[in-house]
PDB file of N, CA and C in Angstrom:
ATOM      1  N   MET A   1      41.574  65.430  24.915  1.00  0.00           N
ATOM      2  CA  MET A   1      42.357  64.791  26.091  1.00  0.00           C
ATOM      3  C   MET A   1      42.462  65.864  27.159  1.00  0.00           C
ATOM      4  N   GLY A   2      42.261  65.172  28.311  1.00  0.00           N
ATOM      5  CA  GLY A   2      41.924  65.798  29.638  1.00  0.00           C
ATOM      6  C   GLY A   2      43.633  65.782  30.384  1.00  0.00           C
ATOM      7  N   PHE A   3      43.712  66.397  31.305  1.00  0.00           N
ATOM      8  CA  PHE A   3      45.214  66.627  32.073  1.00  0.00           C
ATOM      9  C   PHE A   3      45.564  65.486  32.706  1.00  0.00           C
ATOM     10  N   LEU A   4      44.474  64.653  33.337  1.00  0.00           N
ATOM     11  CA  LEU A   4      44.796  63.293  33.985  1.00  0.00           C
ATOM     12  C   LEU A   4      45.202  62.331  32.877  1.00  0.00           C
ATOM     13  N   ASP A   5      44.747  62.493  31.517  1.00  0.00           N
ATOM     14  CA  ASP A   5      45.132  61.620  30.543  1.00  0.00           C
ATOM     15  C   ASP A   5      46.525  61.735  30.195  1.00  0.00           C
ATOM     16  N   THR A   6      46.588  63.112  29.917  1.00  0.00           N
ATOM     17  CA  THR A   6      48.230  63.547  29.891  1.00  0.00           C
ATOM     18  C   THR A   6      49.214  62.696  30.701  1.00  0.00           C
ATOM     19  N   LEU A   7      48.954  63.079  31.971  1.00  0.00           N
ATOM     20  CA  LEU A   7      49.805  62.862  32.975  1.00  0.00           C
ATOM     21  C   LEU A   7      49.643  61.216  33.096  1.00  0.00           C
ATOM     22  N   LYS A   8      48.751  60.569  33.028  1.00  0.00           N
ATOM     23  CA  LYS A   8      48.829  58.750  32.976  1.00  0.00           C
ATOM     24  C   LYS A   8      49.732  58.671  31.539  1.00  0.00           C
ATOM     25  N   GLY A   9      49.543  59.264  30.271  1.00  0.00           N
ATOM     26  CA  GLY A   9      50.585  58.936  29.546  1.00  0.00           C
ATOM     27  C   GLY A   9      52.013  59.082  29.832  1.00  0.00           C
ATOM     28  N   LEU A  10      52.210  60.268  30.245  1.00  0.00           N
ATOM     29  CA  LEU A  10      53.598  60.510  30.625  1.00  0.00           C
ATOM     30  C   LEU A  10      54.265  59.668  31.778  1.00  0.00           C
ATOM     31  N   PHE A  11      53.048  59.049  32.774  1.00  0.00           N
ATOM     32  CA  PHE A  11      53.604  58.094  33.778  1.00  0.00           C
ATOM     33  C   PHE A  11      54.077  56.785  32.842  1.00  0.00           C
ATOM     34  N   GLY A  12      53.009  56.310  32.013  1.00  0.00           N
ATOM     35  CA  GLY A  12      53.443  54.983  31.310  1.00  0.00           C
ATOM     36  C   GLY A  12      54.577  55.125  30.314  1.00  0.00           C
ATOM     37  N   LYS A  13      55.091  56.113  29.738  1.00  0.00           N
ATOM     38  CA  LYS A  13      56.437  56.652  29.150  1.00  0.00           C
ATOM     39  C   LYS A  13      57.403  56.058  30.097  1.00  0.00           C
ATOM     40  N   GLY A  14      57.264  56.799  31.669  1.00  0.00           N
ATOM     41  CA  GLY A  14      58.241  56.716  32.437  1.00  0.00           C
ATOM     42  C   GLY A  14      58.657  55.628  33.102  1.00  0.00           C
ATOM     43  N   GLN A  15      57.627  54.769  32.871  1.00  0.00           N
ATOM     44  CA  GLN A  15      57.580  53.259  33.628  1.00  0.00           C
ATOM     45  C   GLN A  15      58.515  52.550  32.643  1.00  0.00           C
ATOM     46  N   ALA A  16      58.094  52.781  31.068  1.00  0.00           N
ATOM     47  CA  ALA A  16      58.580  51.894  29.829  1.00  0.00           C
ATOM     48  C   ALA A  16      60.201  52.107  29.985  1.00  0.00           C
ATOM     49  N   LEU A  17      60.477  53.774  30.143  1.00  0.00           N
ATOM     50  CA  LEU A  17      61.748  53.829  30.099  1.00  0.00           C
ATOM     51  C   LEU A  17      62.759  53.472  31.209  1.00  0.00           C
ATOM     52  N   ALA A  18      62.214  53.822  32.431  1.00  0.00           N
ATOM     53  CA  ALA A  18      62.580  52.832  33.801  1.00  0.00           C
ATOM     54  C   ALA A  18      63.203  51.222  33.708  1.00  0.00           C
ATOM     55  N   LYS A  19      62.018  50.685  32.980  1.00  0.00           N
ATOM     56  CA  LYS A  19      62.142  49.208  32.764  1.00  0.00           C
ATOM     57  C   LYS A  19      63.150  49.014  31.778  1.00  0.00           C
ATOM     58  N   GLU A  20      63.384  49.811  30.754  1.00  0.00           N
ATOM     59  CA  GLU A  20      64.493  49.638  29.465  1.00  0.00           C
ATOM     60  C   GLU A  20      65.779  49.872  30.045  1.00  0.00           C
ATOM     61  N   HIS A  21      65.915  50.873  31.075  1.00  0.00           N
ATOM     62  CA  HIS A  21      67.362  51.489  31.415  1.00  0.00           C
ATOM     63  C   HIS A  21      67.433  51.383  32.757  1.00  0.00           C
ATOM     64  N   PRO A  22      67.302  50.683  33.847  1.00  0.00           N
ATOM     65  CA  PRO A  22      67.179  50.743  35.285  1.00  0.00           C
ATOM     66  C   PRO A  22      68.366  51.164  35.876  1.00  0.00           C
ATOM     67  N   ASP A  23      69.531  50.427  35.222  1.00  0.00           N
ATOM     68  CA  ASP A  23      70.845  51.381  35.556  1.00  0.00           C
ATOM     69  C   ASP A  23      70.764  52.596  35.606  1.00  0.00           C
ATOM     70  N   GLN A  24      70.503  53.238  34.601  1.00  0.00           N
ATOM     71  CA  GLN A  24      70.947  54.757  34.251  1.00  0.00           C
ATOM     72  C   GLN A  24      69.744  55.509  35.251  1.00  0.00           C
ATOM     73  N   VAL A  25      68.334  54.973  35.487  1.00  0.00           N
ATOM     74  CA  VAL A  25      67.415  55.559  36.655  1.00  0.00           C
ATOM     75  C   VAL A  25      67.886  55.449  37.866  1.00  0.00           C
ATOM     76  N   LYS A  26      68.354  54.399  38.424  1.00  0.00           N
ATOM     77  CA  LYS A  26      69.503  54.270  39.343  1.00  0.00           C
ATOM     78  C   LYS A  26      70.224  55.104  40.000  1.00  0.00           C
ATOM     79  N   ALA A  27      71.196  55.579  38.830  1.00  0.00           N
ATOM     80  CA  ALA A  27      72.117  56.568  38.919  1.00  0.00           C
ATOM     81  C   ALA A  27      71.694  57.661  39.066  1.00  0.00           C
ATOM     82  N   ALA A  28      70.668  58.144  38.290  1.00  0.00           N
ATOM     83  CA  ALA A  28      70.110  59.244  38.380  1.00  0.00           C
ATOM     84  C   ALA A  28      69.607  59.600  39.723  1.00  0.00           C
ATOM     85  N   MET A  29      68.917  58.615  40.394  1.00  0.00           N
ATOM     86  CA  MET A  29      68.241  58.762  41.851  1.00  0.00           C
ATOM     87  C   MET A  29      69.275  58.785  42.748  1.00  0.00           C
ATOM     88  N   ALA A  30      70.335  58.097  42.897  1.00  0.00           N
ATOM     89  CA  ALA A  30      71.608  58.426  43.729  1.00  0.00           C
ATOM     90  C   ALA A  30      72.281  59.648  43.420  1.00  0.00           C
ATOM     91  N   LYS A  31      72.043  60.417  42.419  1.00  0.00           N
ATOM     92  CA  LYS A  31      72.673  61.774  42.262  1.00  0.00           C
ATOM     93  C   LYS A  31      71.857  62.685  42.836  1.00  0.00           C
ATOM     94  N   ALA A  32      70.409  62.409  42.641  1.00  0.00           N
ATOM     95  CA  ALA A  32      69.505  63.208  43.155  1.00  0.00           C
ATOM     96  C   ALA A  32      69.515  63.087  44.537  1.00  0.00           C
ATOM     97  N   GLU A  33      69.561  62.130  45.266  1.00  0.00           N
ATOM     98  CA  GLU A  33      69.655  61.631  46.627  1.00  0.00           C
ATOM     99  C   GLU A  33      70.980  62.580  47.187  1.00  0.00           C
ATOM    100  N   GLY A  34      71.910  62.468  46.468  1.00  0.00           N
ATOM    101  CA  GLY A  34      73.158  63.259  47.038  1.00  0.00           C
ATOM    102  C   GLY A  34      72.844  64.911  47.003  1.00  0.00           C
ATOM    103  N   LEU A  35      72.324  65.018  46.105  1.00  0.00           N
ATOM    104  CA  LEU A  35      72.599  66.689  45.739  1.00  0.00           C
ATOM    105  C   LEU A  35      71.174  67.008  46.674  1.00  0.00           C
ATOM    106  N   ILE A  36      69.876  66.256  46.932  1.00  0.00           N
ATOM    107  CA  ILE A  36      68.950  66.751  47.953  1.00  0.00           C
ATOM    108  C   ILE A  36      69.395  66.729  49.526  1.00  0.00           C
ATOM    109  N   ASP A  37      70.269  65.610  49.602  1.00  0.00           N
ATOM    110  CA  ASP A  37      70.827  65.568  50.978  1.00  0.00           C
ATOM    111  C   ASP A  37      71.835  66.883  51.358  1.00  0.00           C
ATOM    112  N   ASP A  38      72.686  66.848  50.244  1.00  0.00           N
ATOM    113  CA  ASP A  38      73.587  68.230  50.287  1.00  0.00           C
ATOM    114  C   ASP A  38      72.816  69.514  50.780  1.00  0.00           C
ATOM    115  N   LYS A  39      71.477  69.739  49.871  1.00  0.00           N
ATOM    116  CA  LYS A  39      70.926  71.139  49.810  1.00  0.00           C
ATOM    117  C   LYS A  39      70.133  71.100  51.314  1.00  0.00           C
ATOM    118  N   THR A  40      69.932  69.924  51.764  1.00  0.00           N
ATOM    119  CA  THR A  40      69.216  69.967  53.096  1.00  0.00           C
ATOM    120  C   THR A  40      70.183  70.129  54.310  1.00  0.00           C
ATOM    121  N   GLY A  41      71.447  70.162  54.137  1.00  0.00           N
ATOM    122  CA  GLY A  41      72.328  70.279  55.331  1.00  0.00           C
ATOM    123  C   GLY A  41      72.471  69.026  55.665  1.00  0.00           C
ATOM    124  N   HIS A  42      72.210  67.948  55.014  1.00  0.00           N
ATOM    125  CA  HIS A  42      72.450  66.394  55.826  1.00  0.00           C
ATOM    126  C   HIS A  42      71.551  66.319  57.007  1.00  0.00           C
ATOM    127  N   LYS A  43      70.605  67.070  57.363  1.00  0.00           N
ATOM    128  CA  LYS A  43      69.377  67.113  58.270  1.00  0.00           C
ATOM    129  C   LYS A  43      68.724  65.737  57.956  1.00  0.00           C
ATOM    130  N   TYR A  44      68.257  65.306  56.989  1.00  0.00           N
ATOM    131  CA  TYR A  44      67.169  64.412  56.498  1.00  0.00           C
ATOM    132  C   TYR A  44      68.108  62.992  55.682  1.00  0.00           C
ATOM    133  N   THR A  45      69.357  62.913  56.134  1.00  0.00           N
ATOM    134  CA  THR A  45      69.782  61.879  55.306  1.00  0.00           C
ATOM    135  C   THR A  45      69.324  60.517  55.378  1.00  0.00           C
ATOM    136  N   SER A  46      68.791  59.884  56.900  1.00  0.00           N
ATOM    137  CA  SER A  46      68.069  58.920  56.810  1.00  0.00           C
ATOM    138  C   SER A  46      66.901  58.582  56.247  1.00  0.00           C
ATOM    139  N   GLN A  47      66.144  59.821  56.162  1.00  0.00           N
ATOM    140  CA  GLN A  47      64.788  59.870  55.116  1.00  0.00           C
ATOM    141  C   GLN A  47      65.220  59.756  53.964  1.00  0.00           C
ATOM    142  N   ILE A  48      66.123  60.664  53.270  1.00  0.00           N
ATOM    143  CA  ILE A  48      66.446  60.483  52.235  1.00  0.00           C
ATOM    144  C   ILE A  48      66.950  58.973  51.384  1.00  0.00           C
ATOM    145  N   GLN A  49      67.776  58.391  52.183  1.00  0.00           N
ATOM    146  CA  GLN A  49      68.446  57.008  51.895  1.00  0.00           C
ATOM    147  C   GLN A  49      66.810  56.066  52.062  1.00  0.00           C
ATOM    148  N   GLU A  50      66.020  56.532  52.684  1.00  0.00           N
ATOM    149  CA  GLU A  50      64.952  55.253  53.011  1.00  0.00           C
ATOM    150  C   GLU A  50      64.321  55.645  51.805  1.00  0.00           C
ATOM    151  N   GLY A  51      64.065  56.759  51.290  1.00  0.00           N
ATOM    152  CA  GLY A  51      63.107  57.101  50.023  1.00  0.00           C
ATOM    153  C   GLY A  51      63.656  56.116  48.707  1.00  0.00           C
ATOM    154  N   GLY A  52      64.848  56.619  49.193  1.00  0.00           N
ATOM    155  CA  GLY A  52      65.755  56.083  47.606  1.00  0.00           C
ATOM    156  C   GLY A  52      65.690  54.741  47.384  1.00  0.00           C
ATOM    157  N   ALA A  53      65.720  54.024  49.077  1.00  0.00           N
ATOM    158  CA  ALA A  53      65.791  52.491  48.623  1.00  0.00           C
ATOM    159  C   ALA A  53      64.234  52.216  48.574  1.00  0.00           C
ATOM    160  N   LYS A  54      63.413  52.800  48.621  1.00  0.00           N
ATOM    161  CA  LYS A  54      61.826  52.396  48.525  1.00  0.00           C
ATOM    162  C   LYS A  54      61.747  52.382  46.642  1.00  0.00           C
ATOM    163  N   ALA A  55      62.158  53.693  46.404  1.00  0.00           N
ATOM    164  CA  ALA A  55      62.199  53.506  44.953  1.00  0.00           C
ATOM    165  C   ALA A  55      62.895  52.772  44.147  1.00  0.00           C
ATOM    166  N   ALA A  56      64.153  52.422  44.683  1.00  0.00           N
ATOM    167  CA  ALA A  56      65.142  51.536  43.946  1.00  0.00           C
ATOM    168  C   ALA A  56      64.101  50.184  44.014  1.00  0.00           C
ATOM    169  N   GLY A  57      63.636  49.919  45.106  1.00  0.00           N
ATOM    170  CA  GLY A  57      62.890  48.425  45.211  1.00  0.00           C
ATOM    171  C   GLY A  57      61.611  48.407  44.450  1.00  0.00           C
ATOM    172  N   LEU A  58      61.197  49.585  44.119  1.00  0.00           N
ATOM    173  CA  LEU A  58      60.144  49.820  42.943  1.00  0.00           C
ATOM    174  C   LEU A  58      60.714  49.255  41.578  1.00  0.00           C
ATOM    175  N   LEU A  59      61.764  49.703  41.442  1.00  0.00           N
ATOM    176  CA  LEU A  59      62.338  49.137  40.002  1.00  0.00           C
ATOM    177  C   LEU A  59      62.744  48.002  39.923  1.00  0.00           C
ATOM    178  N   ASP A  60      63.339  47.483  41.218  1.00  0.00           N
ATOM    179  CA  ASP A  60      63.454  45.891  41.191  1.00  0.00           C
ATOM    180  C   ASP A  60      62.310  45.159  40.984  1.00  0.00           C
ATOM    181  N   GLY A  61      61.096  45.781  41.341  1.00  0.00           N
ATOM    182  CA  GLY A  61      59.948  44.923  41.462  1.00  0.00           C
ATOM    183  C   GLY A  61      59.566  43.946  42.545  1.00  0.00           C
ATOM    184  N   ASN A  62      60.154  44.835  43.843  1.00  0.00           N
ATOM    185  CA  ASN A  62      59.669  44.398  44.905  1.00  0.00           C
ATOM    186  C   ASN A  62      58.713  45.200  45.706  1.00  0.00           C
ATOM    187  N   ASN A  63      57.835  46.282  44.703  1.00  0.00           N
ATOM    188  CA  ASN A  63      57.270  47.047  45.094  1.00  0.00           C
ATOM    189  C   ASN A  63      57.664  48.024  46.506  1.00  0.00           C
ATOM    190  N   GLY A  64      58.857  48.401  46.485  1.00  0.00           N
ATOM    191  CA  GLY A  64      59.430  49.420  47.561  1.00  0.00           C
ATOM    192  C   GLY A  64      59.419  48.368  48.874  1.00  0.00           C
ATOM    193  N   ALA A  65      59.346  47.441  48.877  1.00  0.00           N
ATOM    194  CA  ALA A  65      59.711  46.785  50.436  1.00  0.00           C
ATOM    195  C   ALA A  65      61.066  46.658  50.405  1.00  0.00           C
ATOM    196  N   THR A  66      61.862  46.744  51.615  1.00  0.00           N
ATOM    197  CA  THR A  66      63.044  46.542  52.065  1.00  0.00           C
ATOM    198  C   THR A  66      63.239  44.894  52.221  1.00  0.00           C
ATOM    199  N   PRO A  67      64.424  44.705  52.038  1.00  0.00           N
ATOM    200  CA  PRO A  67      64.360  43.280  52.214  1.00  0.00           C
ATOM    201  C   PRO A  67      64.798  43.088  53.762  1.00  0.00           C
ATOM    202  N   PRO A  68      64.306  42.198  54.480  1.00  0.00           N
ATOM    203  CA  PRO A  68      64.560  41.797  55.805  1.00  0.00           C
ATOM    204  C   PRO A  68      66.062  41.825  56.110  1.00  0.00           C
ATOM    205  N   THR A  69      66.473  42.208  57.473  1.00  0.00           N
ATOM    206  CA  THR A  69      67.942  42.371  57.592  1.00  0.00           C
ATOM    207  C   THR A  69      68.410  41.135  58.375  1.00  0.00           C
ATOM    208  N   HIS A  70      67.831  40.160  59.005  1.00  0.00           N
ATOM    209  CA  HIS A  70      67.924  39.329  59.784  1.00  0.00           C
ATOM    210  C   HIS A  70      68.560  37.969  58.665  1.00  0.00           C
TER     211      HIS A  70
END
């Protein structure tokens, strides 16, 4: 079994766990966003929030697309 096969297996397990426990994953992502924002001195807050929103969108099943604001 090669390295890529191992990564694919881990990715698949991660996807399965995220589908089973989306609330826990979202809470962990929010905590990570806050930690990263603090560590970067709040210089990249908007980019961090945008990345978090896209990741949450993937969990919600809309491929990371943000909903329209109008």
